[in-house]
Each structure stands twice: as structure tokens, then as C-alpha cells.
Amino acid sequence: MAYKINENCVKCGSCAASCPVSCISEGDERFVIDPEQCIECGTCAAICPVSAPELD
């Protein structure tokens, strides 16, 4: 079950910078996680200041 980024995202980019597999990119309204590449490590969720990444 991959992580996804919810509507709390403020587009700070901390999740993308911390992702060990670089599966997070900037979308139109928020950052997005490629579920095919996500390894479910939780690094993005741990570093996010607004708790936007969550398990899908």
C-alpha cells in the first residue's frame, strides 16, 4: 500500500527532498507520489510539517 499526499499539502517540497527513491514530484495543487515506485518507507510522512503523506 503506497503513500499518497492529501489536501493538507502546502507544497513545501520537504517530502520530495527526503524520498530515498525519488518517487515524489510537484503536481498542480500538491506534491504527488508515484505508487509504482513508492517503497512505503514512511520518510515523507515523518518529515512533512502538515502530515500530508498518508498510506493509501
PDB file of N, CA and C in Angstrom:
ATOM      1  N   MET A   1       0.848  -1.167   0.000  1.00  0.00           N
ATOM      2  CA  MET A   1       0.000   0.000   0.000  1.00  0.00           C
ATOM      3  C   MET A   1       0.904   1.245   0.000  1.00  0.00           C
ATOM      4  N   ALA A   2       0.900   1.986  -1.072  1.00  0.00           N
ATOM      5  CA  ALA A   2       1.757   3.158  -1.219  1.00  0.00           C
ATOM      6  C   ALA A   2       1.192   4.354  -0.461  1.00  0.00           C
ATOM      7  N   TYR A   3       2.061   5.312  -0.207  1.00  0.00           N
ATOM      8  CA  TYR A   3       1.628   6.571   0.395  1.00  0.00           C
ATOM      9  C   TYR A   3       0.996   7.447  -0.665  1.00  0.00           C
ATOM     10  N   LYS A   4       0.139   8.347  -0.244  1.00  0.00           N
ATOM     11  CA  LYS A   4      -0.408   9.381  -1.122  1.00  0.00           C
ATOM     12  C   LYS A   4      -0.379  10.679  -0.323  1.00  0.00           C
ATOM     13  N   ILE A   5      -0.457  11.790  -1.015  1.00  0.00           N
ATOM     14  CA  ILE A   5      -0.408  13.087  -0.351  1.00  0.00           C
ATOM     15  C   ILE A   5      -1.797  13.701  -0.373  1.00  0.00           C
ATOM     16  N   ASN A   6      -2.295  14.026   0.815  1.00  0.00           N
ATOM     17  CA  ASN A   6      -3.659  14.550   0.923  1.00  0.00           C
ATOM     18  C   ASN A   6      -3.706  16.064   0.734  1.00  0.00           C
ATOM     19  N   GLU A   7      -4.891  16.632   0.900  1.00  0.00           N
ATOM     20  CA  GLU A   7      -5.133  18.053   0.653  1.00  0.00           C
ATOM     21  C   GLU A   7      -4.457  18.989   1.657  1.00  0.00           C
ATOM     22  N   ASN A   8      -3.840  18.451   2.701  1.00  0.00           N
ATOM     23  CA  ASN A   8      -3.114  19.289   3.659  1.00  0.00           C
ATOM     24  C   ASN A   8      -1.813  19.839   3.072  1.00  0.00           C
ATOM     25  N   CYS A   9      -1.367  19.301   1.945  1.00  0.00           N
ATOM     26  CA  CYS A   9      -0.083  19.668   1.349  1.00  0.00           C
ATOM     27  C   CYS A   9       0.010  21.179   1.101  1.00  0.00           C
ATOM     28  N   VAL A  10       1.129  21.758   1.546  1.00  0.00           N
ATOM     29  CA  VAL A  10       1.387  23.185   1.339  1.00  0.00           C
ATOM     30  C   VAL A  10       2.511  23.394   0.314  1.00  0.00           C
ATOM     31  N   LYS A  11       2.881  22.338  -0.395  1.00  0.00           N
ATOM     32  CA  LYS A  11       3.888  22.370  -1.460  1.00  0.00           C
ATOM     33  C   LYS A  11       5.230  22.906  -0.994  1.00  0.00           C
ATOM     34  N   CYS A  12       5.655  22.499   0.194  1.00  0.00           N
ATOM     35  CA  CYS A  12       6.955  22.951   0.712  1.00  0.00           C
ATOM     36  C   CYS A  12       8.114  22.172   0.086  1.00  0.00           C
ATOM     37  N   GLY A  13       7.854  20.943  -0.373  1.00  0.00           N
ATOM     38  CA  GLY A  13       8.880  20.139  -1.026  1.00  0.00           C
ATOM     39  C   GLY A  13       9.731  19.285  -0.109  1.00  0.00           C
ATOM     40  N   SER A  14       9.474  19.327   1.177  1.00  0.00           N
ATOM     41  CA  SER A  14      10.300  18.535   2.094  1.00  0.00           C
ATOM     42  C   SER A  14      10.162  17.044   1.828  1.00  0.00           C
ATOM     43  N   CYS A  15       8.998  16.601   1.440  1.00  0.00           N
ATOM     44  CA  CYS A  15       8.786  15.178   1.158  1.00  0.00           C
ATOM     45  C   CYS A  15       9.607  14.723  -0.041  1.00  0.00           C
ATOM     46  N   ALA A  16       9.585  15.508  -1.102  1.00  0.00           N
ATOM     47  CA  ALA A  16      10.318  15.143  -2.310  1.00  0.00           C
ATOM     48  C   ALA A  16      11.820  15.116  -2.045  1.00  0.00           C
ATOM     49  N   ALA A  17      12.298  16.068  -1.285  1.00  0.00           N
ATOM     50  CA  ALA A  17      13.734  16.135  -0.982  1.00  0.00           C
ATOM     51  C   ALA A  17      14.193  14.958  -0.121  1.00  0.00           C
ATOM     52  N   SER A  18      13.295  14.402   0.682  1.00  0.00           N
ATOM     53  CA  SER A  18      13.672  13.324   1.593  1.00  0.00           C
ATOM     54  C   SER A  18      13.435  11.920   1.040  1.00  0.00           C
ATOM     55  N   CYS A  19      12.719  11.797  -0.038  1.00  0.00           N
ATOM     56  CA  CYS A  19      12.365  10.476  -0.572  1.00  0.00           C
ATOM     57  C   CYS A  19      13.593   9.730  -1.096  1.00  0.00           C
ATOM     58  N   PRO A  20      13.880   8.538  -0.555  1.00  0.00           N
ATOM     59  CA  PRO A  20      15.076   7.797  -0.972  1.00  0.00           C
ATOM     60  C   PRO A  20      14.993   7.216  -2.381  1.00  0.00           C
ATOM     61  N   VAL A  21      13.790   7.119  -2.947  1.00  0.00           N
ATOM     62  CA  VAL A  21      13.655   6.572  -4.294  1.00  0.00           C
ATOM     63  C   VAL A  21      13.155   7.614  -5.295  1.00  0.00           C
ATOM     64  N   SER A  22      13.082   8.859  -4.878  1.00  0.00           N
ATOM     65  CA  SER A  22      12.691   9.978  -5.752  1.00  0.00           C
ATOM     66  C   SER A  22      11.371   9.745  -6.487  1.00  0.00           C
ATOM     67  N   CYS A  23      10.375   9.268  -5.752  1.00  0.00           N
ATOM     68  CA  CYS A  23       9.086   8.991  -6.389  1.00  0.00           C
ATOM     69  C   CYS A  23       8.055  10.099  -6.155  1.00  0.00           C
ATOM     70  N   ILE A  24       8.493  11.229  -5.586  1.00  0.00           N
ATOM     71  CA  ILE A  24       7.581  12.329  -5.291  1.00  0.00           C
ATOM     72  C   ILE A  24       7.905  13.499  -6.209  1.00  0.00           C
ATOM     73  N   SER A  25       6.871  14.028  -6.855  1.00  0.00           N
ATOM     74  CA  SER A  25       7.064  15.166  -7.754  1.00  0.00           C
ATOM     75  C   SER A  25       5.986  16.210  -7.501  1.00  0.00           C
ATOM     76  N   GLU A  26       6.257  17.424  -7.976  1.00  0.00           N
ATOM     77  CA  GLU A  26       5.316  18.515  -7.767  1.00  0.00           C
ATOM     78  C   GLU A  26       4.175  18.418  -8.768  1.00  0.00           C
ATOM     79  N   GLY A  27       2.945  18.398  -8.241  1.00  0.00           N
ATOM     80  CA  GLY A  27       1.765  18.390  -9.079  1.00  0.00           C
ATOM     81  C   GLY A  27       1.174  19.783  -9.147  1.00  0.00           C
ATOM     82  N   ASP A  28       0.009  19.912  -9.751  1.00  0.00           N
ATOM     83  CA  ASP A  28      -0.625  21.219  -9.890  1.00  0.00           C
ATOM     84  C   ASP A  28      -1.043  21.801  -8.544  1.00  0.00           C
ATOM     85  N   GLU A  29      -1.731  21.007  -7.738  1.00  0.00           N
ATOM     86  CA  GLU A  29      -2.253  21.501  -6.461  1.00  0.00           C
ATOM     87  C   GLU A  29      -1.441  21.054  -5.255  1.00  0.00           C
ATOM     88  N   ARG A  30      -0.710  19.960  -5.390  1.00  0.00           N
ATOM     89  CA  ARG A  30       0.088  19.409  -4.288  1.00  0.00           C
ATOM     90  C   ARG A  30       1.135  18.481  -4.874  1.00  0.00           C
ATOM     91  N   PHE A  31       2.055  18.051  -4.046  1.00  0.00           N
ATOM     92  CA  PHE A  31       3.022  17.059  -4.498  1.00  0.00           C
ATOM     93  C   PHE A  31       2.297  15.721  -4.656  1.00  0.00           C
ATOM     94  N   VAL A  32       2.819  14.877  -5.526  1.00  0.00           N
ATOM     95  CA  VAL A  32       2.204  13.574  -5.777  1.00  0.00           C
ATOM     96  C   VAL A  32       3.254  12.475  -5.663  1.00  0.00           C
ATOM     97  N   ILE A  33       2.803  11.306  -5.268  1.00  0.00           N
ATOM     98  CA  ILE A  33       3.678  10.138  -5.108  1.00  0.00           C
ATOM     99  C   ILE A  33       3.326   9.106  -6.164  1.00  0.00           C
ATOM    100  N   ASP A  34       4.325   8.626  -6.869  1.00  0.00           N
ATOM    101  CA  ASP A  34       4.129   7.572  -7.861  1.00  0.00           C
ATOM    102  C   ASP A  34       3.988   6.253  -7.101  1.00  0.00           C
ATOM    103  N   PRO A  35       2.787   5.675  -7.077  1.00  0.00           N
ATOM    104  CA  PRO A  35       2.562   4.453  -6.296  1.00  0.00           C
ATOM    105  C   PRO A  35       3.356   3.252  -6.796  1.00  0.00           C
ATOM    106  N   GLU A  36       3.784   3.277  -8.044  1.00  0.00           N
ATOM    107  CA  GLU A  36       4.573   2.179  -8.603  1.00  0.00           C
ATOM    108  C   GLU A  36       6.002   2.190  -8.063  1.00  0.00           C
ATOM    109  N   GLN A  37       6.492   3.360  -7.681  1.00  0.00           N
ATOM    110  CA  GLN A  37       7.866   3.487  -7.201  1.00  0.00           C
ATOM    111  C   GLN A  37       7.961   3.573  -5.687  1.00  0.00           C
ATOM    112  N   CYS A  38       6.884   3.934  -5.017  1.00  0.00           N
ATOM    113  CA  CYS A  38       6.895   4.106  -3.556  1.00  0.00           C
ATOM    114  C   CYS A  38       7.240   2.778  -2.866  1.00  0.00           C
ATOM    115  N   ILE A  39       8.204   2.856  -1.931  1.00  0.00           N
ATOM    116  CA  ILE A  39       8.612   1.653  -1.202  1.00  0.00           C
ATOM    117  C   ILE A  39       8.022   1.623   0.215  1.00  0.00           C
ATOM    118  N   GLU A  40       7.101   2.539   0.479  1.00  0.00           N
ATOM    119  CA  GLU A  40       6.367   2.574   1.751  1.00  0.00           C
ATOM    120  C   GLU A  40       7.273   2.706   2.966  1.00  0.00           C
ATOM    121  N   CYS A  41       8.333   3.489   2.827  1.00  0.00           N
ATOM    122  CA  CYS A  41       9.283   3.631   3.937  1.00  0.00           C
ATOM    123  C   CYS A  41       8.792   4.602   5.010  1.00  0.00           C
ATOM    124  N   GLY A  42       7.924   5.540   4.635  1.00  0.00           N
ATOM    125  CA  GLY A  42       7.379   6.488   5.603  1.00  0.00           C
ATOM    126  C   GLY A  42       8.234   7.710   5.856  1.00  0.00           C
ATOM    127  N   THR A  43       9.334   7.853   5.135  1.00  0.00           N
ATOM    128  CA  THR A  43      10.198   9.014   5.333  1.00  0.00           C
ATOM    129  C   THR A  43       9.445  10.307   5.046  1.00  0.00           C
ATOM    130  N   CYS A  44       8.656  10.328   4.001  1.00  0.00           N
ATOM    131  CA  CYS A  44       7.894  11.532   3.643  1.00  0.00           C
ATOM    132  C   CYS A  44       6.913  11.915   4.748  1.00  0.00           C
ATOM    133  N   ALA A  45       6.255  10.934   5.305  1.00  0.00           N
ATOM    134  CA  ALA A  45       5.287  11.194   6.376  1.00  0.00           C
ATOM    135  C   ALA A  45       5.965  11.707   7.634  1.00  0.00           C
ATOM    136  N   ALA A  46       7.150  11.199   7.913  1.00  0.00           N
ATOM    137  CA  ALA A  46       7.871  11.604   9.119  1.00  0.00           C
ATOM    138  C   ALA A  46       8.378  13.037   9.033  1.00  0.00           C
ATOM    139  N   ILE A  47       8.726  13.487   7.841  1.00  0.00           N
ATOM    140  CA  ILE A  47       9.317  14.815   7.693  1.00  0.00           C
ATOM    141  C   ILE A  47       8.295  15.911   7.374  1.00  0.00           C
ATOM    142  N   CYS A  48       7.124  15.550   6.913  1.00  0.00           N
ATOM    143  CA  CYS A  48       6.117  16.534   6.496  1.00  0.00           C
ATOM    144  C   CYS A  48       5.607  17.365   7.679  1.00  0.00           C
ATOM    145  N   PRO A  49       5.661  18.709   7.565  1.00  0.00           N
ATOM    146  CA  PRO A  49       5.218  19.565   8.668  1.00  0.00           C
ATOM    147  C   PRO A  49       3.693  19.620   8.848  1.00  0.00           C
ATOM    148  N   VAL A  50       2.939  19.160   7.841  1.00  0.00           N
ATOM    149  CA  VAL A  50       1.471  19.227   7.938  1.00  0.00           C
ATOM    150  C   VAL A  50       0.802  17.851   7.818  1.00  0.00           C
ATOM    151  N   SER A  51       1.571  16.794   7.960  1.00  0.00           N
ATOM    152  CA  SER A  51       1.055  15.412   7.907  1.00  0.00           C
ATOM    153  C   SER A  51       0.257  15.106   6.640  1.00  0.00           C
ATOM    154  N   ALA A  52       0.754  15.569   5.506  1.00  0.00           N
ATOM    155  CA  ALA A  52       0.046  15.332   4.245  1.00  0.00           C
ATOM    156  C   ALA A  52       0.205  13.909   3.698  1.00  0.00           C
ATOM    157  N   PRO A  53       1.400  13.299   3.747  1.00  0.00           N
ATOM    158  CA  PRO A  53       1.507  11.926   3.246  1.00  0.00           C
ATOM    159  C   PRO A  53       0.811  10.937   4.183  1.00  0.00           C
ATOM    160  N   GLU A  54       0.042  10.046   3.596  1.00  0.00           N
ATOM    161  CA  GLU A  54      -0.651   9.022   4.373  1.00  0.00           C
ATOM    162  C   GLU A  54      -0.733   7.764   3.548  1.00  0.00           C
ATOM    163  N   LEU A  55      -0.867   6.635   4.208  1.00  0.00           N
ATOM    164  CA  LEU A  55      -0.999   5.368   3.481  1.00  0.00           C
ATOM    165  C   LEU A  55      -2.329   5.360   2.740  1.00  0.00           C
ATOM    166  N   ASP A  56      -2.282   4.938   1.490  1.00  0.00           N
ATOM    167  CA  ASP A  56      -3.467   4.924   0.624  1.00  0.00           C
ATOM    168  C   ASP A  56      -4.346   3.730   0.942  1.00  0.00           C
TER     169      ASP A  56
END
